[in-house]
């Protein structure tokens, strides 16, 4: 995951730029990262627990 992190952060920054609030952008990046992890449930709470 470490080699992917800079690319993911750049992608997230570009895609989430229109969001007005910084906390929304931060949660959006976490959500994108969670989608890439293993796990069946892809909602925020189970991803945050992983």
N, C-alpha and C. Protein backbone atom coordinates (compact mmCIF):
# COMPACT_ATOMS: atom_id res chain seq x y z
N UNK A 1 0.82 -1.20 0.00
CA UNK A 1 0.00 0.00 0.00
C UNK A 1 0.86 1.26 0.00
N UNK A 2 2.04 1.18 0.60
CA UNK A 2 2.89 2.38 0.69
C UNK A 2 3.28 2.92 -0.68
N UNK A 3 3.51 2.05 -1.65
CA UNK A 3 3.90 2.54 -2.97
C UNK A 3 2.72 3.16 -3.71
N UNK A 4 1.52 2.83 -3.26
CA UNK A 4 0.30 3.35 -3.90
C UNK A 4 -0.14 4.67 -3.25
N UNK A 5 0.27 4.89 -2.03
CA UNK A 5 -0.21 6.04 -1.25
C UNK A 5 -0.07 7.39 -1.95
N UNK A 6 1.10 7.75 -2.50
CA UNK A 6 1.20 9.07 -3.15
C UNK A 6 0.24 9.22 -4.33
N UNK A 7 0.07 8.17 -5.10
CA UNK A 7 -0.86 8.24 -6.24
C UNK A 7 -2.30 8.35 -5.77
N UNK A 8 -2.65 7.59 -4.72
CA UNK A 8 -4.00 7.65 -4.17
C UNK A 8 -4.28 9.04 -3.60
N UNK A 9 -3.32 9.60 -2.87
CA UNK A 9 -3.50 10.93 -2.30
C UNK A 9 -3.68 11.98 -3.38
N UNK A 10 -2.92 11.88 -4.45
CA UNK A 10 -3.05 12.83 -5.56
C UNK A 10 -4.41 12.67 -6.25
N UNK A 11 -4.82 11.43 -6.46
CA UNK A 11 -6.12 11.17 -7.08
C UNK A 11 -7.24 11.71 -6.20
N UNK A 12 -7.17 11.42 -4.90
CA UNK A 12 -8.21 11.88 -3.97
C UNK A 12 -8.25 13.40 -3.93
N UNK A 13 -7.11 14.04 -3.91
CA UNK A 13 -7.08 15.50 -3.87
C UNK A 13 -7.76 16.08 -5.10
N UNK A 14 -7.51 15.51 -6.25
CA UNK A 14 -8.12 16.00 -7.49
C UNK A 14 -9.63 15.75 -7.50
N UNK A 15 -10.04 14.56 -7.12
CA UNK A 15 -11.46 14.21 -7.18
C UNK A 15 -12.29 14.90 -6.11
N UNK A 16 -11.67 15.14 -4.95
CA UNK A 16 -12.42 15.70 -3.83
C UNK A 16 -12.26 17.22 -3.71
N UNK A 17 -11.51 17.83 -4.60
CA UNK A 17 -11.27 19.27 -4.57
C UNK A 17 -12.56 20.09 -4.53
N UNK A 18 -13.62 19.70 -5.24
CA UNK A 18 -14.85 20.52 -5.22
C UNK A 18 -15.56 20.55 -3.86
N UNK A 19 -15.26 19.61 -2.97
CA UNK A 19 -15.92 19.62 -1.67
C UNK A 19 -15.44 20.83 -0.87
N UNK A 20 -16.37 21.54 -0.29
CA UNK A 20 -16.05 22.81 0.36
C UNK A 20 -15.31 22.63 1.68
N UNK A 21 -15.65 21.57 2.42
CA UNK A 21 -15.09 21.43 3.75
C UNK A 21 -13.92 20.46 3.78
N UNK A 22 -12.92 20.83 4.56
CA UNK A 22 -11.71 20.02 4.69
C UNK A 22 -12.02 18.65 5.29
N UNK A 23 -12.96 18.59 6.28
CA UNK A 23 -13.28 17.31 6.89
C UNK A 23 -13.95 16.37 5.89
N UNK A 24 -14.72 16.92 4.95
CA UNK A 24 -15.33 16.08 3.91
C UNK A 24 -14.25 15.50 3.00
N UNK A 25 -13.27 16.31 2.66
CA UNK A 25 -12.18 15.81 1.81
C UNK A 25 -11.39 14.73 2.53
N UNK A 26 -11.14 14.92 3.83
CA UNK A 26 -10.38 13.93 4.60
C UNK A 26 -11.15 12.61 4.68
N UNK A 27 -12.43 12.68 4.96
CA UNK A 27 -13.24 11.45 5.03
C UNK A 27 -13.35 10.80 3.65
N UNK A 28 -13.39 11.60 2.61
CA UNK A 28 -13.43 11.05 1.26
C UNK A 28 -12.18 10.26 0.94
N UNK A 29 -11.03 10.78 1.36
CA UNK A 29 -9.79 10.05 1.12
C UNK A 29 -9.77 8.74 1.90
N UNK A 30 -10.22 8.78 3.15
CA UNK A 30 -10.30 7.54 3.93
C UNK A 30 -11.23 6.53 3.29
N UNK A 31 -12.34 7.01 2.75
CA UNK A 31 -13.30 6.13 2.09
C UNK A 31 -12.67 5.47 0.87
N UNK A 32 -11.98 6.26 0.06
CA UNK A 32 -11.30 5.70 -1.11
C UNK A 32 -10.28 4.64 -0.70
N UNK A 33 -9.53 4.94 0.35
CA UNK A 33 -8.53 3.98 0.83
C UNK A 33 -9.22 2.71 1.31
N UNK A 34 -10.34 2.85 2.01
CA UNK A 34 -11.08 1.70 2.51
C UNK A 34 -11.63 0.83 1.39
N UNK A 35 -12.01 1.45 0.29
CA UNK A 35 -12.51 0.68 -0.85
C UNK A 35 -11.44 -0.24 -1.42
N UNK A 36 -10.19 0.15 -1.26
CA UNK A 36 -9.09 -0.63 -1.80
C UNK A 36 -8.67 -1.77 -0.88
N UNK A 37 -9.06 -1.71 0.40
CA UNK A 37 -8.67 -2.75 1.34
C UNK A 37 -9.55 -3.98 1.19
N UNK A 38 -9.09 -5.09 1.75
CA UNK A 38 -9.90 -6.30 1.80
C UNK A 38 -11.07 -6.08 2.74
N UNK A 39 -12.12 -6.79 2.48
CA UNK A 39 -13.30 -6.72 3.34
C UNK A 39 -14.56 -6.74 2.51
N UNK A 40 -15.58 -7.36 3.04
CA UNK A 40 -16.82 -7.49 2.28
C UNK A 40 -17.66 -6.23 2.34
N UNK A 41 -17.76 -5.63 3.52
CA UNK A 41 -18.62 -4.45 3.67
C UNK A 41 -17.82 -3.19 3.34
N UNK A 42 -18.38 -2.37 2.49
CA UNK A 42 -17.67 -1.18 2.03
C UNK A 42 -18.36 0.11 2.48
N UNK A 43 -18.95 0.09 3.68
CA UNK A 43 -19.51 1.32 4.23
C UNK A 43 -18.50 1.91 5.21
N UNK A 44 -18.67 3.16 5.59
CA UNK A 44 -17.66 3.88 6.37
C UNK A 44 -17.32 3.21 7.69
N UNK A 45 -18.31 2.79 8.46
CA UNK A 45 -18.03 2.26 9.79
C UNK A 45 -17.18 0.98 9.75
N UNK A 46 -17.55 -0.03 8.97
CA UNK A 46 -16.68 -1.23 8.93
C UNK A 46 -15.29 -0.91 8.38
N UNK A 47 -15.20 0.01 7.43
CA UNK A 47 -13.88 0.34 6.88
C UNK A 47 -13.04 1.07 7.93
N UNK A 48 -13.67 1.94 8.73
CA UNK A 48 -12.93 2.66 9.76
C UNK A 48 -12.42 1.69 10.83
N UNK A 49 -13.19 0.65 11.11
CA UNK A 49 -12.77 -0.33 12.10
C UNK A 49 -11.57 -1.14 11.62
N UNK A 50 -11.45 -1.33 10.29
CA UNK A 50 -10.29 -2.04 9.75
C UNK A 50 -9.12 -1.11 9.75
